[in-house]
């Protein structure tokens, strides 16, 4: 139960972080600081990295809980 709860809260934090990164990238694109291609690439990398980390969290937390208990 604690693994699931920790994973959910961590996934929420990761979601907020990725959303903020994409917002910053959109602002940079509007100011012509980055190109459209960089916007797409950086946004995709941020989203995929967030998904990979969020999906791997339960396994990592499970290992930590096994060591503690």
N, C-alpha and C. Protein backbone atom coordinates (compact mmCIF):
# COMPACT_ATOMS: atom_id res chain seq x y z
N UNK A 1 0.81 -1.19 0.00
CA UNK A 1 0.00 0.00 0.00
C UNK A 1 0.86 1.26 0.00
N UNK A 2 1.91 1.26 0.81
CA UNK A 2 2.77 2.46 0.88
C UNK A 2 3.54 2.66 -0.41
N UNK A 3 3.87 1.56 -1.10
CA UNK A 3 4.57 1.68 -2.39
C UNK A 3 3.65 2.35 -3.41
N UNK A 4 2.41 1.93 -3.43
CA UNK A 4 1.44 2.51 -4.38
C UNK A 4 1.24 3.99 -4.09
N UNK A 5 1.11 4.35 -2.82
CA UNK A 5 0.89 5.74 -2.44
C UNK A 5 2.09 6.61 -2.79
N UNK A 6 3.29 6.13 -2.50
CA UNK A 6 4.50 6.87 -2.83
C UNK A 6 4.64 7.03 -4.34
N UNK A 7 4.30 6.00 -5.09
CA UNK A 7 4.39 6.06 -6.55
C UNK A 7 3.41 7.08 -7.13
N UNK A 8 2.22 7.12 -6.58
CA UNK A 8 1.22 8.08 -7.08
C UNK A 8 1.67 9.51 -6.82
N UNK A 9 2.13 9.79 -5.60
CA UNK A 9 2.57 11.14 -5.30
C UNK A 9 3.80 11.54 -6.12
N UNK A 10 4.72 10.62 -6.33
CA UNK A 10 5.88 10.91 -7.15
C UNK A 10 5.49 11.13 -8.61
N UNK A 11 4.53 10.36 -9.10
CA UNK A 11 4.06 10.54 -10.47
C UNK A 11 3.40 11.90 -10.65
N UNK A 12 2.68 12.36 -9.63
CA UNK A 12 2.07 13.69 -9.69
C UNK A 12 3.15 14.77 -9.77
N UNK A 13 4.20 14.63 -8.98
CA UNK A 13 5.30 15.60 -9.01
C UNK A 13 5.98 15.58 -10.37
N UNK A 14 6.19 14.40 -10.94
CA UNK A 14 6.81 14.30 -12.26
C UNK A 14 5.91 14.92 -13.32
N UNK A 15 4.60 14.70 -13.24
CA UNK A 15 3.66 15.28 -14.17
C UNK A 15 3.70 16.81 -14.12
N UNK A 16 3.73 17.37 -12.93
CA UNK A 16 3.81 18.83 -12.80
C UNK A 16 5.12 19.35 -13.38
N UNK A 17 6.21 18.63 -13.16
CA UNK A 17 7.51 19.04 -13.69
C UNK A 17 7.52 19.03 -15.21
N UNK A 18 7.01 17.96 -15.81
CA UNK A 18 6.98 17.85 -17.27
C UNK A 18 6.07 18.93 -17.86
N UNK A 19 4.93 19.16 -17.24
CA UNK A 19 4.02 20.20 -17.72
C UNK A 19 4.69 21.57 -17.67
N UNK A 20 5.43 21.85 -16.61
CA UNK A 20 6.14 23.13 -16.51
C UNK A 20 7.23 23.25 -17.56
N UNK A 21 7.94 22.16 -17.81
CA UNK A 21 8.99 22.18 -18.84
C UNK A 21 8.40 22.49 -20.22
N UNK A 22 7.28 21.87 -20.54
CA UNK A 22 6.64 22.11 -21.83
C UNK A 22 6.17 23.55 -21.93
N UNK A 23 5.64 24.09 -20.84
CA UNK A 23 5.22 25.50 -20.85
C UNK A 23 6.39 26.43 -21.10
N UNK A 24 7.52 26.16 -20.47
CA UNK A 24 8.72 26.98 -20.67
C UNK A 24 9.18 26.88 -22.12
N UNK A 25 9.13 25.69 -22.69
CA UNK A 25 9.54 25.51 -24.08
C UNK A 25 8.60 26.26 -25.02
N UNK A 26 7.32 26.27 -24.73
CA UNK A 26 6.37 27.02 -25.58
C UNK A 26 6.65 28.51 -25.49
N UNK A 27 6.95 29.00 -24.29
CA UNK A 27 7.29 30.42 -24.14
C UNK A 27 8.55 30.75 -24.93
N UNK A 28 9.54 29.89 -24.86
CA UNK A 28 10.78 30.11 -25.62
C UNK A 28 10.52 30.10 -27.12
N UNK A 29 9.62 29.23 -27.57
CA UNK A 29 9.28 29.20 -28.99
C UNK A 29 8.58 30.48 -29.43
N UNK A 30 7.67 30.98 -28.60
CA UNK A 30 6.97 32.22 -28.94
C UNK A 30 7.92 33.41 -29.00
N UNK A 31 8.96 33.40 -28.20
CA UNK A 31 9.96 34.47 -28.20
C UNK A 31 11.02 34.27 -29.28
N UNK A 32 10.86 33.23 -30.08
CA UNK A 32 11.80 32.89 -31.16
C UNK A 32 13.19 32.55 -30.64
N UNK A 33 13.26 31.99 -29.45
CA UNK A 33 14.54 31.57 -28.89
C UNK A 33 14.91 30.15 -29.32
N UNK A 34 13.88 29.33 -29.63
CA UNK A 34 14.13 27.99 -30.15
C UNK A 34 13.24 27.78 -31.37
N UNK A 35 13.66 26.86 -32.21
CA UNK A 35 12.89 26.59 -33.42
C UNK A 35 11.76 25.60 -33.13
N UNK A 36 10.88 25.44 -34.11
CA UNK A 36 9.77 24.51 -33.95
C UNK A 36 10.28 23.08 -33.80
N UNK A 37 11.31 22.74 -34.53
CA UNK A 37 11.86 21.38 -34.43
C UNK A 37 12.42 21.11 -33.03
N UNK A 38 13.13 22.09 -32.47
CA UNK A 38 13.64 21.92 -31.11
C UNK A 38 12.51 21.83 -30.11
N UNK A 39 11.46 22.61 -30.31
CA UNK A 39 10.30 22.55 -29.43
C UNK A 39 9.70 21.15 -29.43
N UNK A 40 9.52 20.60 -30.59
CA UNK A 40 8.93 19.25 -30.70
C UNK A 40 9.85 18.21 -30.09
N UNK A 41 11.13 18.29 -30.40
CA UNK A 41 12.09 17.29 -29.89
C UNK A 41 12.20 17.38 -28.37
N UNK A 42 12.39 18.57 -27.84
CA UNK A 42 12.55 18.73 -26.39
C UNK A 42 11.27 18.36 -25.64
N UNK A 43 10.13 18.71 -26.19
CA UNK A 43 8.87 18.35 -25.54
C UNK A 43 8.68 16.84 -25.53
N UNK A 44 8.98 16.20 -26.64
CA UNK A 44 8.84 14.75 -26.72
C UNK A 44 9.80 14.05 -25.76
N UNK A 45 11.02 14.52 -25.71
CA UNK A 45 12.00 13.93 -24.79
C UNK A 45 11.55 14.10 -23.34
N UNK A 46 11.04 15.28 -23.00
CA UNK A 46 10.57 15.52 -21.63
C UNK A 46 9.42 14.60 -21.27
N UNK A 47 8.46 14.46 -22.16
CA UNK A 47 7.29 13.63 -21.89
C UNK A 47 7.68 12.16 -21.78
N UNK A 48 8.50 11.69 -22.69
CA UNK A 48 8.90 10.27 -22.67
C UNK A 48 9.73 9.97 -21.43
N UNK A 49 10.64 10.85 -21.08
CA UNK A 49 11.45 10.64 -19.89
C UNK A 49 10.57 10.61 -18.64
N UNK A 50 9.61 11.51 -18.56
CA UNK A 50 8.68 11.52 -17.44
C UNK A 50 7.89 10.23 -17.35
N UNK A 51 7.42 9.73 -18.49
CA UNK A 51 6.67 8.48 -18.49
C UNK A 51 7.53 7.29 -18.07
N UNK A 52 8.76 7.25 -18.55
CA UNK A 52 9.65 6.14 -18.20
C UNK A 52 9.96 6.16 -16.70
N UNK A 53 10.27 7.33 -16.18
CA UNK A 53 10.59 7.43 -14.76
C UNK A 53 9.36 7.10 -13.91
N UNK A 54 8.20 7.62 -14.29
CA UNK A 54 6.99 7.37 -13.51
C UNK A 54 6.58 5.90 -13.56
N UNK A 55 6.84 5.24 -14.67
CA UNK A 55 6.48 3.82 -14.75
C UNK A 55 7.49 2.93 -14.03
N UNK A 56 8.73 3.39 -13.86
CA UNK A 56 9.74 2.61 -13.16
C UNK A 56 9.72 2.82 -11.65
N UNK A 57 9.04 3.86 -11.19
CA UNK A 57 9.03 4.17 -9.76
C UNK A 57 8.50 3.05 -8.88
N UNK A 58 7.39 2.42 -9.21
CA UNK A 58 6.90 1.37 -8.29
C UNK A 58 7.91 0.24 -8.05
N UNK A 59 8.66 -0.11 -9.07
CA UNK A 59 9.66 -1.17 -8.91
C UNK A 59 10.80 -0.72 -8.01
N UNK A 60 11.22 0.53 -8.18
CA UNK A 60 12.28 1.07 -7.32
C UNK A 60 11.83 1.20 -5.88
N UNK A 61 10.62 1.69 -5.67
CA UNK A 61 10.10 1.81 -4.31
C UNK A 61 9.91 0.44 -3.67
N UNK A 62 9.51 -0.54 -4.46
CA UNK A 62 9.34 -1.90 -3.94
C UNK A 62 10.68 -2.45 -3.44
N UNK A 63 11.73 -2.23 -4.20
CA UNK A 63 13.06 -2.70 -3.79
C UNK A 63 13.50 -2.01 -2.50
N UNK A 64 13.24 -0.71 -2.41
CA UNK A 64 13.61 0.03 -1.21
C UNK A 64 12.85 -0.50 0.00
N UNK A 65 11.57 -0.76 -0.17
CA UNK A 65 10.77 -1.29 0.94
C UNK A 65 11.22 -2.69 1.34
N UNK A 66 11.67 -3.49 0.38
CA UNK A 66 12.19 -4.82 0.71
C UNK A 66 13.46 -4.72 1.55
N UNK A 67 14.31 -3.75 1.24
CA UNK A 67 15.54 -3.58 2.03
C UNK A 67 15.24 -3.07 3.42
N UNK A 68 14.24 -2.20 3.54
CA UNK A 68 13.91 -1.63 4.86
C UNK A 68 13.25 -2.68 5.76
N UNK A 69 12.30 -3.42 5.21
CA UNK A 69 11.56 -4.39 6.04
C UNK A 69 12.22 -5.71 5.96
